C-alpha atoms as a PDB file:
ATOM      1  CA  ILE A   1       0.000   0.000   0.000  1.00  0.00           C
ATOM      2  CA  SER A   2       2.847   2.378   0.817  1.00  0.00           C
ATOM      3  CA  ASP A   3       4.384   1.606  -2.588  1.00  0.00           C
ATOM      4  CA  ALA A   4       1.056   2.311  -4.306  1.00  0.00           C
ATOM      5  CA  VAL A   5       0.761   5.666  -2.503  1.00  0.00           C
ATOM      6  CA  LEU A   6       4.332   6.539  -3.510  1.00  0.00           C
ATOM      7  CA  ASP A   7       3.618   5.539  -7.128  1.00  0.00           C
ATOM      8  CA  ALA A   8       0.509   7.752  -7.176  1.00  0.00           C
ATOM      9  CA  PHE A   9       2.489  10.770  -5.969  1.00  0.00           C
ATOM     10  CA  LEU A  10       5.341  10.198  -8.418  1.00  0.00           C
ATOM     11  CA  THR A  11       2.899   9.728 -11.305  1.00  0.00           C
ATOM     12  CA  GLU A  12       1.355  13.122 -10.578  1.00  0.00           C
ATOM     13  CA  ASP A  13       4.626  14.876  -9.748  1.00  0.00           C
ATOM     14  CA  PRO A  14       8.017  13.174 -10.210  1.00  0.00           C
ATOM     15  CA  HIS A  15       9.511  15.622  -7.681  1.00  0.00           C
ATOM     16  CA  SER A  16       7.177  14.540  -4.868  1.00  0.00           C
ATOM     17  CA  ARG A  17       8.716  13.541  -1.560  1.00  0.00           C
ATOM     18  CA  VAL A  18       6.961  10.731   0.249  1.00  0.00           C
ATOM     19  CA  ALA A  19       7.640   9.032   3.580  1.00  0.00           C
ATOM     20  CA  CYS A  20       4.694   6.663   3.939  1.00  0.00           C
ATOM     21  CA  GLU A  21       4.111   3.702   6.226  1.00  0.00           C
ATOM     22  CA  THR A  22       1.154   1.342   6.403  1.00  0.00           C
ATOM     23  CA  PHE A  23      -0.212  -0.796   9.210  1.00  0.00           C
ATOM     24  CA  ALA A  24      -2.896  -3.412   8.511  1.00  0.00           C
ATOM     25  CA  THR A  25      -4.977  -5.463  10.917  1.00  0.00           C
ATOM     26  CA  THR A  26      -8.465  -6.950  11.030  1.00  0.00           C
ATOM     27  CA  ASP A  27     -10.755  -4.815   8.834  1.00  0.00           C
ATOM     28  CA  ARG A  28      -8.481  -1.773   9.120  1.00  0.00           C
ATOM     29  CA  VAL A  29      -5.621  -0.103   7.276  1.00  0.00           C
ATOM     30  CA  VAL A  30      -3.777   2.845   8.812  1.00  0.00           C
ATOM     31  CA  ILE A  31      -1.557   4.968   6.571  1.00  0.00           C
ATOM     32  CA  GLY A  32       0.700   7.674   7.932  1.00  0.00           C
ATOM     33  CA  GLY A  33       3.694   9.783   7.127  1.00  0.00           C
ATOM     34  CA  GLU A  34       4.959  13.005   5.602  1.00  0.00           C
ATOM     35  CA  VAL A  35       4.546  14.026   1.973  1.00  0.00           C
ATOM     36  CA  ARG A  36       5.371  16.889  -0.298  1.00  0.00           C
ATOM     37  CA  GLY A  37       3.353  16.594  -3.471  1.00  0.00           C
ATOM     38  CA  PRO A  38      -0.067  17.043  -5.058  1.00  0.00           C
ATOM     39  CA  GLY A  39      -2.868  17.360  -2.525  1.00  0.00           C
ATOM     40  CA  ALA A  40      -5.193  15.505  -4.891  1.00  0.00           C
ATOM     41  CA  VAL A  41      -3.269  12.310  -4.191  1.00  0.00           C
ATOM     42  CA  ILE A  42      -3.807  12.682  -0.435  1.00  0.00           C
ATOM     43  CA  GLU A  43      -7.541  12.910  -1.150  1.00  0.00           C
ATOM     44  CA  ARG A  44      -7.347   9.583  -3.061  1.00  0.00           C
ATOM     45  CA  VAL A  45      -5.393   7.625  -0.429  1.00  0.00           C
ATOM     46  CA  GLU A  46      -8.405   5.564   0.682  1.00  0.00           C
ATOM     47  CA  GLU A  47      -9.209   4.641  -2.924  1.00  0.00           C
ATOM     48  CA  ILE A  48      -5.546   3.757  -3.579  1.00  0.00           C
ATOM     49  CA  ALA A  49      -5.424   1.534  -0.471  1.00  0.00           C
ATOM     50  CA  ARG A  50      -8.652  -0.288  -1.338  1.00  0.00           C
ATOM     51  CA  GLU A  51      -7.520  -0.882  -4.918  1.00  0.00           C
ATOM     52  CA  CYS A  52      -4.198  -2.245  -3.686  1.00  0.00           C
ATOM     53  CA  VAL A  53      -5.862  -4.626  -1.204  1.00  0.00           C
ATOM     54  CA  LYS A  54      -8.282  -5.721  -3.945  1.00  0.00           C
ATOM     55  CA  ASP A  55      -5.398  -6.339  -6.361  1.00  0.00           C
ATOM     56  CA  ILE A  56      -3.567  -8.408  -3.738  1.00  0.00           C
ATOM     57  CA  GLY A  57      -6.720 -10.505  -3.426  1.00  0.00           C
ATOM     58  CA  TYR A  58      -8.085 -10.008   0.069  1.00  0.00           C
ATOM     59  CA  GLU A  59     -11.830 -10.723  -0.081  1.00  0.00           C
ATOM     60  CA  GLN A  60     -12.469 -12.585   3.147  1.00  0.00           C
ATOM     61  CA  ASP A  61     -14.263 -12.052   6.416  1.00  0.00           C
ATOM     62  CA  GLY A  62     -12.077  -9.879   8.601  1.00  0.00           C
ATOM     63  CA  PHE A  63     -10.183  -8.260   5.732  1.00  0.00           C
ATOM     64  CA  HIS A  64     -12.085  -7.418   2.554  1.00  0.00           C
ATOM     65  CA  TRP A  65     -11.087  -4.505   0.339  1.00  0.00           C
ATOM     66  CA  ALA A  66     -14.681  -3.260   0.093  1.00  0.00           C
ATOM     67  CA  ASN A  67     -15.400  -3.308   3.837  1.00  0.00           C
ATOM     68  CA  LEU A  68     -12.197  -2.326   5.590  1.00  0.00           C
ATOM     69  CA  LYS A  69     -11.796   1.018   7.321  1.00  0.00           C
ATOM     70  CA  VAL A  70      -8.956   3.142   5.977  1.00  0.00           C
ATOM     71  CA  ASP A  71      -7.466   5.821   8.233  1.00  0.00           C
ATOM     72  CA  SER A  72      -5.035   8.232   6.614  1.00  0.00           C
ATOM     73  CA  TYR A  73      -2.661  10.306   8.684  1.00  0.00           C
ATOM     74  CA  LEU A  74      -0.550  11.624   5.823  1.00  0.00           C
ATOM     75  CA  HIS A  75       0.445  15.237   6.351  1.00  0.00           C
ATOM     76  CA  ALA A  76       2.652  17.854   4.747  1.00  0.00           C
ATOM     77  CA  GLN A  77       6.387  17.375   5.073  1.00  0.00           C
ATOM     78  CA  SER A  78       7.981  19.253   7.948  1.00  0.00           C
ATOM     79  CA  ALA A  79       8.763  22.832   6.916  1.00  0.00           C
ATOM     80  CA  ASP A  80      12.316  22.483   8.271  1.00  0.00           C
ATOM     81  CA  ILE A  81      13.003  19.378   6.194  1.00  0.00           C
ATOM     82  CA  ALA A  82      11.352  20.841   3.096  1.00  0.00           C
ATOM     83  CA  GLN A  83      13.329  24.077   3.429  1.00  0.00           C
ATOM     84  CA  GLY A  84      16.614  22.195   3.804  1.00  0.00           C
ATOM     85  CA  VAL A  85      16.012  20.030   0.758  1.00  0.00           C
ATOM     86  CA  ASP A  86      14.637  22.915  -1.319  1.00  0.00           C
ATOM     87  CA  ALA A  87      17.683  25.069  -0.507  1.00  0.00           C
ATOM     88  CA  SER A  88      20.086  22.282  -1.460  1.00  0.00           C
ATOM     89  CA  GLY A  89      21.691  22.484  -4.863  1.00  0.00           C
ATOM     90  CA  ASN A  90      21.482  18.682  -5.005  1.00  0.00           C
ATOM     91  CA  LYS A  91      17.950  17.915  -6.172  1.00  0.00           C
ATOM     92  CA  ASP A  92      18.706  14.189  -6.034  1.00  0.00           C
ATOM     93  CA  GLU A  93      18.978  14.420  -2.252  1.00  0.00           C
ATOM     94  CA  GLY A  94      15.567  12.844  -1.713  1.00  0.00           C
ATOM     95  CA  ALA A  95      13.180  13.296   1.162  1.00  0.00           C
ATOM     96  CA  GLY A  96      15.697  15.005   3.400  1.00  0.00           C
ATOM     97  CA  ASP A  97      15.332  12.880   6.496  1.00  0.00           C
ATOM     98  CA  GLN A  98      16.992   9.642   7.487  1.00  0.00           C
ATOM     99  CA  GLY A  99      16.230   6.228   6.118  1.00  0.00           C
ATOM    100  CA  ILE A 100      17.637   2.782   6.521  1.00  0.00           C
ATOM    101  CA  MET A 101      18.381   0.874   3.361  1.00  0.00           C
ATOM    102  CA  PHE A 102      20.512  -2.148   2.818  1.00  0.00           C
ATOM    103  CA  GLY A 103      21.412  -4.391  -0.057  1.00  0.00           C
ATOM    104  CA  TYR A 104      24.083  -5.078  -2.556  1.00  0.00           C
ATOM    105  CA  ALA A 105      24.560  -6.148  -6.153  1.00  0.00           C
ATOM    106  CA  VAL A 106      26.228  -9.428  -7.039  1.00  0.00           C
ATOM    107  CA  ASP A 107      27.037 -11.126 -10.315  1.00  0.00           C
ATOM    108  CA  GLU A 108      25.599 -14.515  -9.343  1.00  0.00           C
ATOM    109  CA  THR A 109      22.307 -13.839 -11.185  1.00  0.00           C
ATOM    110  CA  PRO A 110      21.512 -11.810 -14.332  1.00  0.00           C
ATOM    111  CA  GLU A 111      19.336  -9.542 -12.146  1.00  0.00           C
ATOM    112  CA  LEU A 112      22.388  -8.751  -9.954  1.00  0.00           C
ATOM    113  CA  MET A 113      20.434  -9.902  -6.891  1.00  0.00           C
ATOM    114  CA  PRO A 114      21.604 -12.527  -4.402  1.00  0.00           C
ATOM    115  CA  ALA A 115      20.142 -15.877  -5.493  1.00  0.00           C
ATOM    116  CA  PRO A 116      18.270 -16.645  -2.230  1.00  0.00           C
ATOM    117  CA  ILE A 117      16.182 -13.457  -2.284  1.00  0.00           C
ATOM    118  CA  LEU A 118      15.753 -13.531  -6.075  1.00  0.00           C
ATOM    119  CA  TYR A 119      14.274 -17.037  -6.047  1.00  0.00           C
ATOM    120  CA  ALA A 120      12.273 -16.491  -2.847  1.00  0.00           C
ATOM    121  CA  HIS A 121      10.599 -13.504  -4.514  1.00  0.00           C
ATOM    122  CA  ALA A 122      10.148 -15.408  -7.794  1.00  0.00           C
ATOM    123  CA  MET A 123       8.307 -18.211  -5.988  1.00  0.00           C
ATOM    124  CA  LEU A 124       5.925 -15.752  -4.336  1.00  0.00           C
ATOM    125  CA  ARG A 125       5.344 -13.904  -7.616  1.00  0.00           C
ATOM    126  CA  ARG A 126       4.473 -17.198  -9.324  1.00  0.00           C
ATOM    127  CA  LEU A 127       2.015 -18.173  -6.592  1.00  0.00           C
ATOM    128  CA  ALA A 128       0.344 -14.748  -6.820  1.00  0.00           C
ATOM    129  CA  GLU A 129       0.175 -15.097 -10.605  1.00  0.00           C
ATOM    130  CA  VAL A 130      -1.490 -18.546 -10.588  1.00  0.00           C
ATOM    131  CA  ARG A 131      -3.875 -17.448  -7.848  1.00  0.00           C
ATOM    132  CA  LYS A 132      -4.916 -14.322  -9.720  1.00  0.00           C
ATOM    133  CA  ASN A 133      -5.284 -15.983 -13.136  1.00  0.00           C
ATOM    134  CA  GLY A 134      -7.496 -18.714 -11.659  1.00  0.00           C
ATOM    135  CA  THR A 135      -5.075 -21.620 -12.170  1.00  0.00           C
ATOM    136  CA  GLU A 136      -4.914 -22.207  -8.398  1.00  0.00           C
ATOM    137  CA  PRO A 137      -8.124 -20.750  -6.912  1.00  0.00           C
ATOM    138  CA  LYS A 138      -7.615 -22.510  -3.571  1.00  0.00           C
ATOM    139  CA  LEU A 139      -4.601 -20.333  -2.706  1.00  0.00           C
ATOM    140  CA  GLY A 140      -5.023 -17.179  -0.612  1.00  0.00           C
ATOM    141  CA  PRO A 141      -3.026 -13.953  -0.965  1.00  0.00           C
ATOM    142  CA  ASP A 142      -0.837 -14.311   2.128  1.00  0.00           C
ATOM    143  CA  ALA A 143       2.429 -16.200   1.592  1.00  0.00           C
ATOM    144  CA  LYS A 144       6.069 -16.102   2.614  1.00  0.00           C
ATOM    145  CA  SER A 145       9.187 -17.955   1.551  1.00  0.00           C
ATOM    146  CA  GLN A 146      12.782 -18.511   2.559  1.00  0.00           C
ATOM    147  CA  LEU A 147      15.564 -20.278   0.687  1.00  0.00           C
ATOM    148  CA  SER A 148      18.990 -21.423   1.736  1.00  0.00           C
ATOM    149  CA  ILE A 149      21.348 -21.977  -1.162  1.00  0.00           C
ATOM    150  CA  ARG A 150      24.584 -23.938  -1.366  1.00  0.00           C
ATOM    151  CA  TYR A 151      27.478 -22.168  -3.057  1.00  0.00           C
ATOM    152  CA  ASP A 152      30.548 -23.600  -4.738  1.00  0.00           C
ATOM    153  CA  GLY A 153      33.320 -21.202  -5.657  1.00  0.00           C
ATOM    154  CA  GLY A 154      31.057 -18.240  -4.935  1.00  0.00           C
ATOM    155  CA  LYS A 155      28.343 -19.457  -7.337  1.00  0.00           C
ATOM    156  CA  PRO A 156      24.923 -20.818  -6.330  1.00  0.00           C
ATOM    157  CA  VAL A 157      24.720 -24.531  -7.148  1.00  0.00           C
ATOM    158  CA  GLY A 158      21.679 -25.856  -5.288  1.00  0.00           C
ATOM    159  CA  VAL A 159      18.932 -25.325  -2.759  1.00  0.00           C
ATOM    160  CA  THR A 160      19.704 -26.765   0.677  1.00  0.00           C
ATOM    161  CA  SER A 161      16.388 -25.818   2.264  1.00  0.00           C
ATOM    162  CA  LEU A 162      13.156 -24.224   1.168  1.00  0.00           C
ATOM    163  CA  VAL A 163      10.414 -22.970   3.461  1.00  0.00           C
ATOM    164  CA  LEU A 164       7.155 -21.826   1.915  1.00  0.00           C
ATOM    165  CA  SER A 165       4.001 -20.945   3.782  1.00  0.00           C
ATOM    166  CA  THR A 166       0.879 -19.984   1.887  1.00  0.00           C
ATOM    167  CA  GLN A 167      -2.660 -19.182   2.870  1.00  0.00           C
ATOM    168  CA  HIS A 168      -5.332 -21.427   1.381  1.00  0.00           C
ATOM    169  CA  ILE A 169      -9.067 -20.899   1.122  1.00  0.00           C
ATOM    170  CA  ASP A 170     -10.257 -24.470   1.764  1.00  0.00           C
ATOM    171  CA  PRO A 171      -9.772 -25.413   5.446  1.00  0.00           C
ATOM    172  CA  ALA A 172     -10.006 -29.123   4.531  1.00  0.00           C
ATOM    173  CA  LEU A 173      -6.716 -28.978   2.607  1.00  0.00           C
ATOM    174  CA  THR A 174      -3.909 -30.876   4.281  1.00  0.00           C
ATOM    175  CA  SER A 175      -0.275 -29.811   4.103  1.00  0.00           C
ATOM    176  CA  ALA A 176       0.230 -32.589   1.536  1.00  0.00           C
ATOM    177  CA  ASP A 177      -2.590 -31.095  -0.568  1.00  0.00           C
ATOM    178  CA  VAL A 178      -1.034 -27.629  -0.381  1.00  0.00           C
ATOM    179  CA  ARG A 179       2.372 -29.054  -1.275  1.00  0.00           C
ATOM    180  CA  ALA A 180       0.854 -30.800  -4.312  1.00  0.00           C
ATOM    181  CA  ILE A 181      -0.665 -27.489  -5.419  1.00  0.00           C
ATOM    182  CA  VAL A 182       2.453 -25.327  -5.042  1.00  0.00           C
ATOM    183  CA  GLU A 183       5.309 -27.728  -5.839  1.00  0.00           C
ATOM    184  CA  PRO A 184       4.918 -27.755  -9.658  1.00  0.00           C
ATOM    185  CA  HIS A 185       4.953 -23.952  -9.718  1.00  0.00           C
ATOM    186  CA  ILE A 186       8.042 -23.811  -7.495  1.00  0.00           C
ATOM    187  CA  ARG A 187       9.853 -26.304  -9.733  1.00  0.00           C
ATOM    188  CA  ASP A 188       9.053 -24.085 -12.735  1.00  0.00           C
ATOM    189  CA  VAL A 189      10.677 -21.085 -11.036  1.00  0.00           C
ATOM    190  CA  LEU A 190      13.815 -22.643  -9.567  1.00  0.00           C
ATOM    191  CA  PRO A 191      16.693 -23.549 -11.882  1.00  0.00           C
ATOM    192  CA  GLU A 192      17.878 -27.152 -12.079  1.00  0.00           C
ATOM    193  CA  GLY A 193      20.316 -28.165  -9.386  1.00  0.00           C
END
């Protein structure tokens, strides 16, 4: 949801500054932060949040895009921060306050991402894809994955462990049933080895 809000601001004004965080719980989404950008986007935050939740696929009791309450606490960026960034000759400076980012590029994959996170994300993307296109209607939108990969000479050569947890709609499904549903899609995503 925070990414969707950011995208909406940047679509309207590429020079927007957005510090947005989202909290979600039963039937409620709370969005807060500081922004400097078109006020029209702030007015559309509830619509943006609902559309995002709908796109993810939440349509269940306790969290349905049409019924949830959206509280927005987005407000104008601090005048001190805005003034400091505006006065700077470096317009690439960004929002002007602190952030924590981490990551690195590696040459072990064409995407320059470490293999464990690349394939963990690819598995989740595939499950979302087959859920949304109707291939696997028994899957729910909530899933997480973790991979451990064996390296030889600094290159990934095989998966040593794979943990995948996915929500499913039918409570009668056993873990073996869920495994039978997801395993072919995981095998399609992971390289041989």
